[in-house]
Amino acid sequence: PGRPDMPCGSLVTKEGQAAFRAPGKDAPIVLDCSGAP
């Protein structure tokens, strides 16, 4: 817990910036871990 060993994509620095994102009610910010174990 709390150990950031391997990043899933990039740091998200602002609203609307992520692997998948668009405006919308209850829309999640989705990052891709690319199948890492």
Full PDB file with SEQRES, HELIX, SHEET, SSBOND, CRYST1, ORIGX, SCALE, CONECT and MASTER records, all heavy atoms in Angstrom:
SEQRES   1 A   37  PRO GLY ARG PRO ASP MET PRO CYS GLY SER LEU VAL THR          
SEQRES   2 A   37  LYS GLU GLY GLN ALA ALA PHE ARG ALA PRO GLY LYS ASP          
SEQRES   3 A   37  ALA PRO ILE VAL LEU ASP CYS SER GLY ALA PRO                  
SSBOND   1 CYS A    8    CYS A   33                          1555   1555  2.03  
CRYST1    1.000    1.000    1.000  90.00  90.00  90.00 P 1           1          
ORIGX1      1.000000  0.000000  0.000000        0.00000                         
ORIGX2      0.000000  1.000000  0.000000        0.00000                         
ORIGX3      0.000000  0.000000  1.000000        0.00000                         
SCALE1      1.000000  0.000000  0.000000        0.00000                         
SCALE2      0.000000  1.000000  0.000000        0.00000                         
SCALE3      0.000000  0.000000  1.000000        0.00000                         
ATOM      1  N   PRO A   1       0.824  -1.207   0.000  1.00  0.00           N  
ATOM      2  CA  PRO A   1       0.000   0.000   0.000  1.00  0.00           C  
ATOM      3  C   PRO A   1       0.860   1.260   0.000  1.00  0.00           C  
ATOM      4  O   PRO A   1       1.842   1.354   0.744  1.00  0.00           O  
ATOM      5  CB  PRO A   1      -0.807  -0.119   1.304  1.00  0.00           C  
ATOM      6  CG  PRO A   1      -0.855  -1.582   1.589  1.00  0.00           C  
ATOM      7  CD  PRO A   1       0.469  -2.113   1.126  1.00  0.00           C  
ATOM      8  N   GLY A   2       0.514   2.221  -0.865  1.00  0.00           N  
ATOM      9  CA  GLY A   2       1.247   3.471  -0.938  1.00  0.00           C  
ATOM     10  C   GLY A   2       2.560   3.406  -1.678  1.00  0.00           C  
ATOM     11  O   GLY A   2       3.282   4.404  -1.744  1.00  0.00           O  
ATOM     12  N   ARG A   3       2.878   2.268  -2.274  1.00  0.00           N  
ATOM     13  CA  ARG A   3       4.157   2.115  -2.968  1.00  0.00           C  
ATOM     14  C   ARG A   3       3.958   2.284  -4.474  1.00  0.00           C  
ATOM     15  O   ARG A   3       3.392   1.406  -5.128  1.00  0.00           O  
ATOM     16  CB  ARG A   3       4.761   0.744  -2.668  1.00  0.00           C  
ATOM     17  CG  ARG A   3       6.162   0.543  -3.231  1.00  0.00           C  
ATOM     18  CD  ARG A   3       6.694  -0.837  -2.905  1.00  0.00           C  
ATOM     19  NE  ARG A   3       7.984  -1.064  -3.518  1.00  0.00           N  
ATOM     20  CZ  ARG A   3       9.153  -0.803  -2.927  1.00  0.00           C  
ATOM     21  NH1 ARG A   3       9.164  -0.324  -1.702  1.00  0.00           N  
ATOM     22  NH2 ARG A   3      10.292  -1.036  -3.549  1.00  0.00           N  
ATOM     23  N   PRO A   4       4.437   3.394  -5.065  1.00  0.00           N  
ATOM     24  CA  PRO A   4       4.240   3.629  -6.503  1.00  0.00           C  
ATOM     25  C   PRO A   4       5.371   3.042  -7.337  1.00  0.00           C  
ATOM     26  O   PRO A   4       6.260   3.756  -7.815  1.00  0.00           O  
ATOM     27  CB  PRO A   4       4.211   5.155  -6.577  1.00  0.00           C  
ATOM     28  CG  PRO A   4       5.116   5.601  -5.475  1.00  0.00           C  
ATOM     29  CD  PRO A   4       5.014   4.561  -4.386  1.00  0.00           C  
ATOM     30  N   ASP A   5       5.364   1.739  -7.539  1.00  0.00           N  
ATOM     31  CA  ASP A   5       6.477   1.081  -8.231  1.00  0.00           C  
ATOM     32  C   ASP A   5       6.460   1.303  -9.739  1.00  0.00           C  
ATOM     33  O   ASP A   5       7.467   1.666 -10.329  1.00  0.00           O  
ATOM     34  CB  ASP A   5       6.451  -0.431  -7.948  1.00  0.00           C  
ATOM     35  CG  ASP A   5       6.759  -0.754  -6.499  1.00  0.00           C  
ATOM     36  OD1 ASP A   5       7.510   0.015  -5.874  1.00  0.00           O  
ATOM     37  OD2 ASP A   5       6.242  -1.760  -5.991  1.00  0.00           O  
ATOM     38  N   MET A   6       5.311   1.058 -10.383  1.00  0.00           N  
ATOM     39  CA  MET A   6       5.244   1.146 -11.838  1.00  0.00           C  
ATOM     40  C   MET A   6       4.081   2.029 -12.250  1.00  0.00           C  
ATOM     41  O   MET A   6       2.937   1.762 -11.883  1.00  0.00           O  
ATOM     42  CB  MET A   6       5.066  -0.246 -12.448  1.00  0.00           C  
ATOM     43  CG  MET A   6       5.298  -0.267 -13.953  1.00  0.00           C  
ATOM     44  SD  MET A   6       4.492  -1.670 -14.757  1.00  0.00           S  
ATOM     45  CE  MET A   6       2.801  -1.102 -14.825  1.00  0.00           C  
ATOM     46  N   PRO A   7       4.341   3.100 -13.025  1.00  0.00           N  
ATOM     47  CA  PRO A   7       3.251   4.001 -13.414  1.00  0.00           C  
ATOM     48  C   PRO A   7       2.370   3.403 -14.500  1.00  0.00           C  
ATOM     49  O   PRO A   7       2.834   2.677 -15.367  1.00  0.00           O  
ATOM     50  CB  PRO A   7       3.990   5.239 -13.922  1.00  0.00           C  
ATOM     51  CG  PRO A   7       5.302   4.707 -14.413  1.00  0.00           C  
ATOM     52  CD  PRO A   7       5.651   3.559 -13.496  1.00  0.00           C  
ATOM     53  N   CYS A   8       1.100   3.711 -14.435  1.00  0.00           N  
ATOM     54  CA  CYS A   8       0.153   3.373 -15.501  1.00  0.00           C  
ATOM     55  C   CYS A   8      -0.070   4.645 -16.317  1.00  0.00           C  
ATOM     56  O   CYS A   8      -0.883   5.500 -15.956  1.00  0.00           O  
ATOM     57  CB  CYS A   8      -1.169   2.884 -14.914  1.00  0.00           C  
ATOM     58  SG  CYS A   8      -1.020   1.340 -13.992  1.00  0.00           S  
ATOM     59  N   GLY A   9       0.689   4.796 -17.378  1.00  0.00           N  
ATOM     60  CA  GLY A   9       0.594   6.003 -18.179  1.00  0.00           C  
ATOM     61  C   GLY A   9       1.300   7.167 -17.506  1.00  0.00           C  
ATOM     62  O   GLY A   9       2.259   6.990 -16.750  1.00  0.00           O  
ATOM     63  N   SER A  10       0.812   8.372 -17.776  1.00  0.00           N  
ATOM     64  CA  SER A  10       1.442   9.594 -17.304  1.00  0.00           C  
ATOM     65  C   SER A  10       0.696  10.179 -16.124  1.00  0.00           C  
ATOM     66  O   SER A  10      -0.451   9.830 -15.860  1.00  0.00           O  
ATOM     67  CB  SER A  10       1.488  10.627 -18.437  1.00  0.00           C  
ATOM     68  OG  SER A  10       2.182  10.131 -19.556  1.00  0.00           O  
ATOM     69  N   LEU A  11       1.344  11.097 -15.421  1.00  0.00           N  
ATOM     70  CA  LEU A  11       0.655  11.855 -14.400  1.00  0.00           C  
ATOM     71  C   LEU A  11      -0.432  12.700 -15.047  1.00  0.00           C  
ATOM     72  O   LEU A  11      -0.227  13.287 -16.114  1.00  0.00           O  
ATOM     73  CB  LEU A  11       1.630  12.761 -13.656  1.00  0.00           C  
ATOM     74  CG  LEU A  11       2.641  12.101 -12.724  1.00  0.00           C  
ATOM     75  CD1 LEU A  11       3.564  13.158 -12.135  1.00  0.00           C  
ATOM     76  CD2 LEU A  11       1.947  11.331 -11.618  1.00  0.00           C  
ATOM     77  N   VAL A  12      -1.579  12.747 -14.430  1.00  0.00           N  
ATOM     78  CA  VAL A  12      -2.684  13.570 -14.917  1.00  0.00           C  
ATOM     79  C   VAL A  12      -2.596  14.906 -14.188  1.00  0.00           C  
ATOM     80  O   VAL A  12      -2.759  14.966 -12.972  1.00  0.00           O  
ATOM     81  CB  VAL A  12      -4.043  12.887 -14.646  1.00  0.00           C  
ATOM     82  CG1 VAL A  12      -5.181  13.715 -15.219  1.00  0.00           C  
ATOM     83  CG2 VAL A  12      -4.043  11.492 -15.249  1.00  0.00           C  
ATOM     84  N   THR A  13      -2.326  15.963 -14.926  1.00  0.00           N  
ATOM     85  CA  THR A  13      -2.019  17.237 -14.290  1.00  0.00           C  
ATOM     86  C   THR A  13      -3.190  18.201 -14.227  1.00  0.00           C  
ATOM     87  O   THR A  13      -3.125  19.195 -13.519  1.00  0.00           O  
ATOM     88  CB  THR A  13      -0.863  17.932 -15.019  1.00  0.00           C  
ATOM     89  OG1 THR A  13      -1.239  18.169 -16.389  1.00  0.00           O  
ATOM     90  CG2 THR A  13       0.385  17.074 -14.982  1.00  0.00           C  
ATOM     91  N   LYS A  14      -4.254  17.916 -14.975  1.00  0.00           N  
ATOM     92  CA  LYS A  14      -5.402  18.821 -14.938  1.00  0.00           C  
ATOM     93  C   LYS A  14      -6.652  18.097 -15.399  1.00  0.00           C  
ATOM     94  O   LYS A  14      -6.591  17.036 -16.027  1.00  0.00           O  
ATOM     95  CB  LYS A  14      -5.155  20.050 -15.809  1.00  0.00           C  
ATOM     96  CG  LYS A  14      -4.974  19.741 -17.292  1.00  0.00           C  
ATOM     97  CD  LYS A  14      -4.700  21.010 -18.085  1.00  0.00           C  
ATOM     98  CE  LYS A  14      -4.501  20.691 -19.565  1.00  0.00           C  
ATOM     99  NZ  LYS A  14      -4.237  21.910 -20.351  1.00  0.00           N  
ATOM    100  N   GLU A  15      -7.800  18.677 -15.093  1.00  0.00           N  
ATOM    101  CA  GLU A  15      -9.089  18.113 -15.498  1.00  0.00           C  
ATOM    102  C   GLU A  15      -9.133  17.962 -17.012  1.00  0.00           C  
ATOM    103  O   GLU A  15      -8.740  18.854 -17.763  1.00  0.00           O  
ATOM    104  CB  GLU A  15     -10.221  19.029 -15.038  1.00  0.00           C  
ATOM    105  CG  GLU A  15     -11.608  18.561 -15.438  1.00  0.00           C  
ATOM    106  CD  GLU A  15     -12.059  17.328 -14.665  1.00  0.00           C  
ATOM    107  OE1 GLU A  15     -11.530  17.096 -13.568  1.00  0.00           O  
ATOM    108  OE2 GLU A  15     -12.929  16.623 -15.169  1.00  0.00           O  
ATOM    109  N   GLY A  16      -9.587  16.792 -17.482  1.00  0.00           N  
ATOM    110  CA  GLY A  16      -9.708  16.566 -18.912  1.00  0.00           C  
ATOM    111  C   GLY A  16      -8.480  15.964 -19.558  1.00  0.00           C  
ATOM    112  O   GLY A  16      -8.481  15.670 -20.736  1.00  0.00           O  
ATOM    113  N   GLN A  17      -7.395  15.746 -18.788  1.00  0.00           N  
ATOM    114  CA  GLN A  17      -6.169  15.213 -19.358  1.00  0.00           C  
ATOM    115  C   GLN A  17      -5.927  13.818 -18.802  1.00  0.00           C  
ATOM    116  O   GLN A  17      -5.648  13.647 -17.621  1.00  0.00           O  
ATOM    117  CB  GLN A  17      -4.988  16.119 -19.001  1.00  0.00           C  
ATOM    118  CG  GLN A  17      -3.670  15.649 -19.605  1.00  0.00           C  
ATOM    119  CD  GLN A  17      -2.517  16.484 -19.100  1.00  0.00           C  
ATOM    120  OE1 GLN A  17      -2.273  16.536 -17.903  1.00  0.00           O  
ATOM    121  NE2 GLN A  17      -1.804  17.129 -19.996  1.00  0.00           N  
ATOM    122  N   ALA A  18      -6.044  12.807 -19.647  1.00  0.00           N  
ATOM    123  CA  ALA A  18      -5.816  11.426 -19.228  1.00  0.00           C  
ATOM    124  C   ALA A  18      -5.788  10.546 -20.454  1.00  0.00           C  
ATOM    125  O   ALA A  18      -5.869  11.024 -21.582  1.00  0.00           O  
ATOM    126  CB  ALA A  18      -6.905  10.973 -18.255  1.00  0.00           C  
ATOM    127  N   ALA A  19      -5.680   9.243 -20.233  1.00  0.00           N  
ATOM    128  CA  ALA A  19      -5.659   8.317 -21.352  1.00  0.00           C  
ATOM    129  C   ALA A  19      -6.973   8.365 -22.118  1.00  0.00           C  
ATOM    130  O   ALA A  19      -6.998   8.373 -23.342  1.00  0.00           O  
ATOM    131  CB  ALA A  19      -5.386   6.907 -20.857  1.00  0.00           C  
ATOM    132  N   PHE A  20      -8.083   8.412 -21.401  1.00  0.00           N  
ATOM    133  CA  PHE A  20      -9.408   8.532 -22.003  1.00  0.00           C  
ATOM    134  C   PHE A  20     -10.201   9.529 -21.166  1.00  0.00           C  
ATOM    135  O   PHE A  20     -10.350   9.328 -19.966  1.00  0.00           O  
ATOM    136  CB  PHE A  20     -10.158   7.193 -21.990  1.00  0.00           C  
ATOM    137  CG  PHE A  20      -9.403   6.055 -22.603  1.00  0.00           C  
ATOM    138  CD1 PHE A  20      -8.717   5.165 -21.808  1.00  0.00           C  
ATOM    139  CD2 PHE A  20      -9.378   5.873 -23.970  1.00  0.00           C  
ATOM    140  CE1 PHE A  20      -8.017   4.108 -22.351  1.00  0.00           C  
ATOM    141  CE2 PHE A  20      -8.672   4.820 -24.521  1.00  0.00           C  
ATOM    142  CZ  PHE A  20      -7.996   3.934 -23.720  1.00  0.00           C  
ATOM    143  N   ARG A  21     -10.713  10.581 -21.773  1.00  0.00           N  
ATOM    144  CA  ARG A  21     -11.481  11.535 -20.981  1.00  0.00           C  
ATOM    145  C   ARG A  21     -12.292  12.432 -21.902  1.00  0.00           C  
ATOM    146  O   ARG A  21     -11.831  12.864 -22.939  1.00  0.00           O  
ATOM    147  CB  ARG A  21     -10.559  12.411 -20.124  1.00  0.00           C  
ATOM    148  CG  ARG A  21     -11.311  13.295 -19.122  1.00  0.00           C  
ATOM    149  CD  ARG A  21     -11.924  12.444 -18.027  1.00  0.00           C  
ATOM    150  NE  ARG A  21     -12.367  13.262 -16.906  1.00  0.00           N  
ATOM    151  CZ  ARG A  21     -13.646  13.519 -16.661  1.00  0.00           C  
ATOM    152  NH1 ARG A  21     -14.584  13.045 -17.430  1.00  0.00           N  
ATOM    153  NH2 ARG A  21     -13.985  14.255 -15.608  1.00  0.00           N  
ATOM    154  N   ALA A  22     -13.513  12.716 -21.513  1.00  0.00           N  
ATOM    155  CA  ALA A  22     -14.347  13.691 -22.198  1.00  0.00           C  
ATOM    156  C   ALA A  22     -15.354  14.197 -21.198  1.00  0.00           C  
ATOM    157  O   ALA A  22     -15.656  13.527 -20.213  1.00  0.00           O  
ATOM    158  CB  ALA A  22     -15.054  13.072 -23.404  1.00  0.00           C  
ATOM    159  N   PRO A  23     -15.884  15.414 -21.411  1.00  0.00           N  
ATOM    160  CA  PRO A  23     -16.864  15.943 -20.463  1.00  0.00           C  
ATOM    161  C   PRO A  23     -18.085  15.045 -20.369  1.00  0.00           C  
ATOM    162  O   PRO A  23     -18.471  14.407 -21.337  1.00  0.00           O  
ATOM    163  CB  PRO A  23     -17.216  17.312 -21.053  1.00  0.00           C  
ATOM    164  CG  PRO A  23     -16.062  17.663 -21.928  1.00  0.00           C  
ATOM    165  CD  PRO A  23     -15.576  16.349 -22.486  1.00  0.00           C  
ATOM    166  N   GLY A  24     -18.685  15.008 -19.219  1.00  0.00           N  
ATOM    167  CA  GLY A  24     -19.897  14.214 -19.044  1.00  0.00           C  
ATOM    168  C   GLY A  24     -20.148  13.944 -17.586  1.00  0.00           C  
ATOM    169  O   GLY A  24     -19.207  13.790 -16.808  1.00  0.00           O  
ATOM    170  N   LYS A  25     -21.395  13.874 -17.207  1.00  0.00           N  
ATOM    171  CA  LYS A  25     -21.752  13.624 -15.818  1.00  0.00           C  
ATOM    172  C   LYS A  25     -21.273  12.242 -15.409  1.00  0.00           C  
ATOM    173  O   LYS A  25     -21.537  11.254 -16.090  1.00  0.00           O  
ATOM    174  CB  LYS A  25     -23.265  13.746 -15.637  1.00  0.00           C  
ATOM    175  CG  LYS A  25     -23.736  13.517 -14.198  1.00  0.00           C  
ATOM    176  CD  LYS A  25     -25.224  13.735 -14.082  1.00  0.00           C  
ATOM    177  CE  LYS A  25     -25.730  13.359 -12.691  1.00  0.00           C  
ATOM    178  NZ  LYS A  25     -25.046  14.112 -11.623  1.00  0.00           N  
ATOM    179  N   ASP A  26     -20.575  12.165 -14.291  1.00  0.00           N  
ATOM    180  CA  ASP A  26     -20.072  10.908 -13.730  1.00  0.00           C  
ATOM    181  C   ASP A  26     -19.091  10.186 -14.648  1.00  0.00           C  
ATOM    182  O   ASP A  26     -18.882   8.977 -14.510  1.00  0.00           O  
ATOM    183  CB  ASP A  26     -21.236   9.960 -13.387  1.00  0.00           C  
ATOM    184  CG  ASP A  26     -22.134  10.516 -12.295  1.00  0.00           C  
ATOM    185  OD1 ASP A  26     -21.632  11.300 -11.477  1.00  0.00           O  
ATOM    186  OD2 ASP A  26     -23.332  10.164 -12.269  1.00  0.00           O  
ATOM    187  N   ALA A  27     -18.481  10.881 -15.597  1.00  0.00           N  
ATOM    188  CA  ALA A  27     -17.503  10.235 -16.475  1.00  0.00           C  
ATOM    189  C   ALA A  27     -16.199  10.026 -15.725  1.00  0.00           C  
ATOM    190  O   ALA A  27     -15.694  10.946 -15.089  1.00  0.00           O  
ATOM    191  CB  ALA A  27     -17.258  11.087 -17.716  1.00  0.00           C  
ATOM    192  N   PRO A  28     -15.634   8.813 -15.781  1.00  0.00           N  
ATOM    193  CA  PRO A  28     -14.380   8.569 -15.054  1.00  0.00           C  
ATOM    194  C   PRO A  28     -13.174   9.052 -15.839  1.00  0.00           C  
ATOM    195  O   PRO A  28     -13.243   9.292 -17.040  1.00  0.00           O  
ATOM    196  CB  PRO A  28     -14.360   7.048 -14.921  1.00  0.00           C  
ATOM    197  CG  PRO A  28     -15.014   6.594 -16.185  1.00  0.00           C  
ATOM    198  CD  PRO A  28     -16.103   7.601 -16.462  1.00  0.00           C  
ATOM    199  N   ILE A  29     -12.070   9.171 -15.149  1.00  0.00           N  
ATOM    200  CA  ILE A  29     -10.770   9.366 -15.775  1.00  0.00           C  
ATOM    201  C   ILE A  29     -10.147   7.980 -15.845  1.00  0.00           C  
ATOM    202  O   ILE A  29      -9.999   7.311 -14.825  1.00  0.00           O  
ATOM    203  CB  ILE A  29      -9.901  10.317 -14.942  1.00  0.00           C  
ATOM    204  CG1 ILE A  29     -10.600  11.663 -14.785  1.00  0.00           C  
ATOM    205  CG2 ILE A  29      -8.526  10.496 -15.570  1.00  0.00           C  
ATOM    206  CD1 ILE A  29      -9.969  12.561 -13.744  1.00  0.00           C  
ATOM    207  N   VAL A  30      -9.793   7.533 -17.035  1.00  0.00           N  
ATOM    208  CA  VAL A  30      -9.358   6.147 -17.226  1.00  0.00           C  
ATOM    209  C   VAL A  30      -7.908   6.120 -17.678  1.00  0.00           C  
ATOM    210  O   VAL A  30      -7.542   6.745 -18.669  1.00  0.00           O  
ATOM    211  CB  VAL A  30     -10.247   5.423 -18.256  1.00  0.00           C  
ATOM    212  CG1 VAL A  30      -9.829   3.956 -18.379  1.00  0.00           C  
ATOM    213  CG2 VAL A  30     -11.708   5.529 -17.863  1.00  0.00           C  
ATOM    214  N   LEU A  31      -7.075   5.417 -16.940  1.00  0.00           N  
ATOM    215  CA  LEU A  31      -5.674   5.245 -17.301  1.00  0.00           C  
ATOM    216  C   LEU A  31      -5.416   3.792 -17.652  1.00  0.00           C  
ATOM    217  O   LEU A  31      -6.119   2.887 -17.173  1.00  0.00           O  
ATOM    218  CB  LEU A  31      -4.759   5.691 -16.148  1.00  0.00           C  
ATOM    219  CG  LEU A  31      -4.778   7.200 -15.893  1.00  0.00           C  
ATOM    220  CD1 LEU A  31      -5.803   7.547 -14.825  1.00  0.00           C  
ATOM    221  CD2 LEU A  31      -3.404   7.705 -15.485  1.00  0.00           C  
ATOM    222  N   ASP A  32      -4.412   3.564 -18.489  1.00  0.00           N  
ATOM    223  CA  ASP A  32      -4.148   2.234 -19.022  1.00  0.00           C  
ATOM    224  C   ASP A  32      -2.867   1.669 -18.419  1.00  0.00           C  
ATOM    225  O   ASP A  32      -1.790   2.247 -18.558  1.00  0.00           O  
ATOM    226  CB  ASP A  32      -4.010   2.320 -20.545  1.00  0.00           C  
ATOM    227  CG  ASP A  32      -4.010   0.952 -21.202  1.00  0.00           C  
ATOM    228  OD1 ASP A  32      -4.147  -0.050 -20.481  1.00  0.00           O  
ATOM    229  OD2 ASP A  32      -3.888   0.884 -22.440  1.00  0.00           O  
ATOM    230  N   CYS A  33      -2.994   0.535 -17.741  1.00  0.00           N  
ATOM    231  CA  CYS A  33      -1.830  -0.154 -17.175  1.00  0.00           C  
ATOM    232  C   CYS A  33      -1.242  -1.165 -18.146  1.00  0.00           C  
ATOM    233  O   CYS A  33      -0.300  -1.895 -17.800  1.00  0.00           O  
ATOM    234  CB  CYS A  33      -2.200  -0.833 -15.864  1.00  0.00           C  
ATOM    235  SG  CYS A  33      -2.681   0.315 -14.554  1.00  0.00           S  
ATOM    236  N   SER A  34      -1.823  -1.268 -19.338  1.00  0.00           N  
ATOM    237  CA  SER A  34      -1.261  -2.048 -20.451  1.00  0.00           C  
ATOM    238  C   SER A  34      -1.057  -3.519 -20.133  1.00  0.00           C  
ATOM    239  O   SER A  34      -0.140  -4.155 -20.662  1.00  0.00           O  
ATOM    240  CB  SER A  34       0.070  -1.430 -20.910  1.00  0.00           C  
ATOM    241  OG  SER A  34      -0.125  -0.089 -21.300  1.00  0.00           O  
ATOM    242  N   GLY A  35      -1.883  -4.079 -19.270  1.00  0.00           N  
ATOM    243  CA  GLY A  35      -1.787  -5.500 -18.985  1.00  0.00           C  
ATOM    244  C   GLY A  35      -0.660  -5.889 -18.053  1.00  0.00           C  
ATOM    245  O   GLY A  35      -0.331  -7.075 -17.930  1.00  0.00           O  
ATOM    246  N   ALA A  36      -0.062  -4.916 -17.389  1.00  0.00           N  
ATOM    247  CA  ALA A  36       1.039  -5.231 -16.463  1.00  0.00           C  
ATOM    248  C   ALA A  36       0.544  -6.122 -15.333  1.00  0.00           C  
ATOM    249  O   ALA A  36      -0.564  -5.921 -14.818  1.00  0.00           O  
ATOM    250  CB  ALA A  36       1.627  -3.946 -15.894  1.00  0.00           C  
ATOM    251  N   PRO A  37       1.330  -7.110 -14.922  1.00  0.00           N  
ATOM    252  CA  PRO A  37       0.897  -7.998 -13.835  1.00  0.00           C  
ATOM    253  C   PRO A  37       0.874  -7.267 -12.508  1.00  0.00           C  
ATOM    254  O   PRO A  37       1.786  -6.501 -12.184  1.00  0.00           O  
ATOM    255  CB  PRO A  37       1.945  -9.113 -13.846  1.00  0.00           C  
ATOM    256  CG  PRO A  37       3.153  -8.491 -14.467  1.00  0.00           C  
ATOM    257  CD  PRO A  37       2.647  -7.503 -15.462  1.00  0.00           C  
TER     258      PRO A  37                                                      
CONECT   58  235                                                                
CONECT  235   58                                                                
MASTER        0    0    0    0    0    0    0    6  257    1    2    3          
END                                                                             
